[in-house]
Amino acid sequence: MIEPYSDEHFMKLALKEAEEALDKDEVPVGAIIVSENTIIARGHNLSETLNDVTAHAEMQAITAASNHIGGKYLKNCTLYVTLEPCVMCAGALFWSQISKIVFGAIDENRGATHLAKNIFHPKTEIVGGVLERECGQLIKDFFRSKR
């Protein structure tokens, strides 16, 4: 059983966002941002829908969270995202000064932790591999269906 308000609990909710992306034939990545155990933002990939390479799940969630709190800094917030952020998203997360990033599947090809050292804000806690199998399988199945 998954404990309420645990990283696994919130990652399950990010997976629901990824499934929404999948329903739109987008790369199935989902994200949520949590503050004080309350979801303040949700997002999923919309790059194909919006014809916008920057419309990643994290970017959608950052914008929604900033609008929710009425400011650009996401201190005391946690991002849950089903795939390790890319360099672009990592840069935006750096500038947001988000307190914690929890990701599911590791992206060995485009993941920020593999491509750049110290790309995240020095005060940001990074946790990887939460529900990694479930998050990774969703992505693998999507790309397998495209080939």
C-alpha atoms as a PDB file:
ATOM      1  CA  MET A   1       0.000   0.000   0.000  1.00  0.00           C
ATOM      2  CA  ILE A   2       1.239   3.469  -0.864  1.00  0.00           C
ATOM      3  CA  GLU A   3       1.253   5.925   2.019  1.00  0.00           C
ATOM      4  CA  PRO A   4      -0.693   9.157   1.488  1.00  0.00           C
ATOM      5  CA  TYR A   5       1.498  12.196   0.852  1.00  0.00           C
ATOM      6  CA  SER A   6       4.508  10.008   0.015  1.00  0.00           C
ATOM      7  CA  ASP A   7       6.652  10.421  -3.082  1.00  0.00           C
ATOM      8  CA  GLU A   8       5.018   7.269  -4.470  1.00  0.00           C
ATOM      9  CA  HIS A   9       1.519   8.682  -3.854  1.00  0.00           C
ATOM     10  CA  PHE A  10       2.248  11.878  -5.755  1.00  0.00           C
ATOM     11  CA  MET A  11       4.112  10.044  -8.531  1.00  0.00           C
ATOM     12  CA  LYS A  12       0.979   7.942  -9.120  1.00  0.00           C
ATOM     13  CA  LEU A  13      -0.874  11.218  -9.702  1.00  0.00           C
ATOM     14  CA  ALA A  14       1.846  12.388 -12.103  1.00  0.00           C
ATOM     15  CA  LEU A  15       1.374   9.083 -13.952  1.00  0.00           C
ATOM     16  CA  LYS A  16      -2.306  10.001 -14.426  1.00  0.00           C
ATOM     17  CA  GLU A  17      -1.136  13.197 -16.114  1.00  0.00           C
ATOM     18  CA  ALA A  18       1.160  11.110 -18.331  1.00  0.00           C
ATOM     19  CA  GLU A  19      -1.831   8.985 -19.317  1.00  0.00           C
ATOM     20  CA  GLU A  20      -3.665  12.167 -20.351  1.00  0.00           C
ATOM     21  CA  ALA A  21      -0.727  12.968 -22.630  1.00  0.00           C
ATOM     22  CA  LEU A  22      -0.900   9.440 -24.036  1.00  0.00           C
ATOM     23  CA  ASP A  23      -4.608   9.902 -24.778  1.00  0.00           C
ATOM     24  CA  LYS A  24      -3.602  12.933 -26.913  1.00  0.00           C
ATOM     25  CA  ASP A  25      -0.883  10.920 -28.690  1.00  0.00           C
ATOM     26  CA  GLU A  26       1.778  12.977 -26.918  1.00  0.00           C
ATOM     27  CA  VAL A  27       4.939  11.510 -25.401  1.00  0.00           C
ATOM     28  CA  PRO A  28       3.460  10.294 -22.105  1.00  0.00           C
ATOM     29  CA  VAL A  29       5.155  12.468 -19.498  1.00  0.00           C
ATOM     30  CA  GLY A  30       3.185  13.920 -16.622  1.00  0.00           C
ATOM     31  CA  ALA A  31       4.029  16.337 -13.846  1.00  0.00           C
ATOM     32  CA  ILE A  32       2.470  17.775 -10.732  1.00  0.00           C
ATOM     33  CA  ILE A  33       3.721  20.385  -8.293  1.00  0.00           C
ATOM     34  CA  VAL A  34       2.904  20.045  -4.622  1.00  0.00           C
ATOM     35  CA  SER A  35       3.091  22.560  -1.804  1.00  0.00           C
ATOM     36  CA  GLU A  36       2.287  21.545   1.775  1.00  0.00           C
ATOM     37  CA  ASN A  37       0.838  18.209   0.568  1.00  0.00           C
ATOM     38  CA  THR A  38      -1.560  20.010  -1.782  1.00  0.00           C
ATOM     39  CA  ILE A  39      -1.371  19.802  -5.550  1.00  0.00           C
ATOM     40  CA  ILE A  40      -1.054  23.347  -6.874  1.00  0.00           C
ATOM     41  CA  ALA A  41      -0.313  22.530 -10.527  1.00  0.00           C
ATOM     42  CA  ARG A  42      -0.581  19.778 -13.090  1.00  0.00           C
ATOM     43  CA  GLY A  43       0.871  19.374 -16.534  1.00  0.00           C
ATOM     44  CA  HIS A  44       1.571  16.886 -19.263  1.00  0.00           C
ATOM     45  CA  ASN A  45       3.383  17.029 -22.571  1.00  0.00           C
ATOM     46  CA  LEU A  46       1.610  19.183 -25.145  1.00  0.00           C
ATOM     47  CA  SER A  47       4.402  19.646 -27.697  1.00  0.00           C
ATOM     48  CA  GLU A  48       2.450  18.040 -30.549  1.00  0.00           C
ATOM     49  CA  THR A  49      -0.890  19.613 -29.633  1.00  0.00           C
ATOM     50  CA  LEU A  50       0.572  23.108 -29.345  1.00  0.00           C
ATOM     51  CA  ASN A  51       3.240  22.608 -32.040  1.00  0.00           C
ATOM     52  CA  ASP A  52       5.711  23.900 -29.446  1.00  0.00           C
ATOM     53  CA  VAL A  53       8.966  22.153 -28.538  1.00  0.00           C
ATOM     54  CA  THR A  54       8.945  23.883 -25.136  1.00  0.00           C
ATOM     55  CA  ALA A  55       5.536  22.518 -24.093  1.00  0.00           C
ATOM     56  CA  HIS A  56       6.966  19.787 -21.852  1.00  0.00           C
ATOM     57  CA  ALA A  57       5.044  18.575 -18.817  1.00  0.00           C
ATOM     58  CA  GLU A  58       7.419  20.339 -16.423  1.00  0.00           C
ATOM     59  CA  MET A  59       7.084  23.666 -18.241  1.00  0.00           C
ATOM     60  CA  GLN A  60       3.292  23.411 -18.155  1.00  0.00           C
ATOM     61  CA  ALA A  61       3.375  22.650 -14.424  1.00  0.00           C
ATOM     62  CA  ILE A  62       5.885  25.432 -13.629  1.00  0.00           C
ATOM     63  CA  THR A  63       3.697  28.009 -15.360  1.00  0.00           C
ATOM     64  CA  ALA A  64       0.549  26.773 -13.638  1.00  0.00           C
ATOM     65  CA  ALA A  65       2.236  26.726 -10.213  1.00  0.00           C
ATOM     66  CA  SER A  66       3.650  30.228 -10.674  1.00  0.00           C
ATOM     67  CA  ASN A  67       0.189  31.472 -11.620  1.00  0.00           C
ATOM     68  CA  HIS A  68      -1.314  29.690  -8.617  1.00  0.00           C
ATOM     69  CA  ILE A  69       1.057  31.235  -6.085  1.00  0.00           C
ATOM     70  CA  GLY A  70       1.340  34.567  -7.847  1.00  0.00           C
ATOM     71  CA  GLY A  71       5.122  34.502  -8.091  1.00  0.00           C
ATOM     72  CA  LYS A  72       7.975  32.999 -10.066  1.00  0.00           C
ATOM     73  CA  TYR A  73       9.803  31.241  -7.229  1.00  0.00           C
ATOM     74  CA  LEU A  74       8.637  27.777  -6.235  1.00  0.00           C
ATOM     75  CA  LYS A  75      10.375  27.539  -2.891  1.00  0.00           C
ATOM     76  CA  ASN A  76       8.765  24.992  -0.568  1.00  0.00           C
ATOM     77  CA  CYS A  77       7.346  23.169  -3.587  1.00  0.00           C
ATOM     78  CA  THR A  78       8.064  19.718  -4.996  1.00  0.00           C
ATOM     79  CA  LEU A  79       7.849  18.699  -8.649  1.00  0.00           C
ATOM     80  CA  TYR A  80       6.869  15.098  -9.376  1.00  0.00           C
ATOM     81  CA  VAL A  81       7.560  14.146 -12.991  1.00  0.00           C
ATOM     82  CA  THR A  82       7.427  10.726 -14.604  1.00  0.00           C
ATOM     83  CA  LEU A  83      10.620  11.184 -16.654  1.00  0.00           C
ATOM     84  CA  GLU A  84      13.917  12.770 -15.672  1.00  0.00           C
ATOM     85  CA  PRO A  85      13.860  16.426 -16.788  1.00  0.00           C
ATOM     86  CA  CYS A  86      15.725  17.463 -19.916  1.00  0.00           C
ATOM     87  CA  VAL A  87      18.271  20.272 -19.898  1.00  0.00           C
ATOM     88  CA  MET A  88      15.673  22.874 -20.945  1.00  0.00           C
ATOM     89  CA  CYS A  89      13.321  21.930 -18.112  1.00  0.00           C
ATOM     90  CA  ALA A  90      16.216  21.696 -15.666  1.00  0.00           C
ATOM     91  CA  GLY A  91      17.159  25.267 -16.540  1.00  0.00           C
ATOM     92  CA  ALA A  92      13.618  26.486 -15.889  1.00  0.00           C
ATOM     93  CA  LEU A  93      13.528  24.544 -12.629  1.00  0.00           C
ATOM     94  CA  PHE A  94      16.856  26.120 -11.633  1.00  0.00           C
ATOM     95  CA  TRP A  95      15.424  29.604 -12.120  1.00  0.00           C
ATOM     96  CA  SER A  96      12.221  28.695 -10.250  1.00  0.00           C
ATOM     97  CA  GLN A  97      14.334  27.705  -7.223  1.00  0.00           C
ATOM     98  CA  ILE A  98      12.031  24.733  -6.630  1.00  0.00           C
ATOM     99  CA  SER A  99      12.880  22.940  -3.400  1.00  0.00           C
ATOM    100  CA  LYS A 100      12.627  19.334  -4.553  1.00  0.00           C
ATOM    101  CA  ILE A 101      12.405  17.374  -7.791  1.00  0.00           C
ATOM    102  CA  VAL A 102      11.234  13.769  -7.782  1.00  0.00           C
ATOM    103  CA  PHE A 103      11.358  11.896 -11.078  1.00  0.00           C
ATOM    104  CA  GLY A 104      10.374   8.402 -12.116  1.00  0.00           C
ATOM    105  CA  ALA A 105      12.178   6.973 -15.124  1.00  0.00           C
ATOM    106  CA  ILE A 106      15.784   7.861 -15.821  1.00  0.00           C
ATOM    107  CA  ASP A 107      16.404   9.323 -19.279  1.00  0.00           C
ATOM    108  CA  GLU A 108      19.874   8.069 -20.186  1.00  0.00           C
ATOM    109  CA  ASN A 109      19.823   9.849 -23.566  1.00  0.00           C
ATOM    110  CA  ARG A 110      18.402  13.292 -22.779  1.00  0.00           C
ATOM    111  CA  GLY A 111      18.219  13.486 -18.994  1.00  0.00           C
ATOM    112  CA  ALA A 112      19.733  16.571 -17.411  1.00  0.00           C
ATOM    113  CA  THR A 113      21.733  14.667 -14.805  1.00  0.00           C
ATOM    114  CA  HIS A 114      23.563  12.808 -17.583  1.00  0.00           C
ATOM    115  CA  LEU A 115      24.204  15.808 -19.792  1.00  0.00           C
ATOM    116  CA  ALA A 116      25.176  18.612 -17.432  1.00  0.00           C
ATOM    117  CA  LYS A 117      26.793  18.867 -14.024  1.00  0.00           C
ATOM    118  CA  ASN A 118      25.280  21.181 -11.423  1.00  0.00           C
ATOM    119  CA  ILE A 119      22.355  22.092 -13.671  1.00  0.00           C
ATOM    120  CA  PHE A 120      19.839  22.138 -10.842  1.00  0.00           C
ATOM    121  CA  HIS A 121      19.742  24.863  -8.207  1.00  0.00           C
ATOM    122  CA  PRO A 122      22.223  24.026  -5.419  1.00  0.00           C
ATOM    123  CA  LYS A 123      19.446  24.048  -2.811  1.00  0.00           C
ATOM    124  CA  THR A 124      17.170  21.736  -4.825  1.00  0.00           C
ATOM    125  CA  GLU A 125      16.914  18.163  -3.576  1.00  0.00           C
ATOM    126  CA  ILE A 126      16.848  15.595  -6.402  1.00  0.00           C
ATOM    127  CA  VAL A 127      15.272  12.150  -5.989  1.00  0.00           C
ATOM    128  CA  GLY A 128      15.230   9.782  -8.952  1.00  0.00           C
ATOM    129  CA  GLY A 129      13.762   6.370  -9.661  1.00  0.00           C
ATOM    130  CA  VAL A 130      10.418   6.702  -7.839  1.00  0.00           C
ATOM    131  CA  LEU A 131       8.045   4.205  -9.500  1.00  0.00           C
ATOM    132  CA  GLU A 132      10.710   3.930 -12.164  1.00  0.00           C
ATOM    133  CA  ARG A 133       9.364   0.704 -13.648  1.00  0.00           C
ATOM    134  CA  GLU A 134       5.810   2.042 -14.145  1.00  0.00           C
ATOM    135  CA  CYS A 135       6.990   5.382 -15.489  1.00  0.00           C
ATOM    136  CA  GLY A 136       9.537   3.827 -17.825  1.00  0.00           C
ATOM    137  CA  GLN A 137       7.152   1.199 -19.162  1.00  0.00           C
ATOM    138  CA  LEU A 138       4.652   3.844 -20.241  1.00  0.00           C
ATOM    139  CA  ILE A 139       7.326   5.606 -22.306  1.00  0.00           C
ATOM    140  CA  LYS A 140       8.723   2.353 -23.754  1.00  0.00           C
ATOM    141  CA  ASP A 141       5.259   1.155 -24.792  1.00  0.00           C
ATOM    142  CA  PHE A 142       4.524   4.506 -26.450  1.00  0.00           C
ATOM    143  CA  PHE A 143       7.679   4.497 -28.565  1.00  0.00           C
ATOM    144  CA  ARG A 144       7.340   0.793 -29.370  1.00  0.00           C
ATOM    145  CA  SER A 145       3.866   1.530 -30.786  1.00  0.00           C
ATOM    146  CA  LYS A 146       5.353   4.259 -33.016  1.00  0.00           C
ATOM    147  CA  ARG A 147       7.973   2.001 -34.620  1.00  0.00           C
END
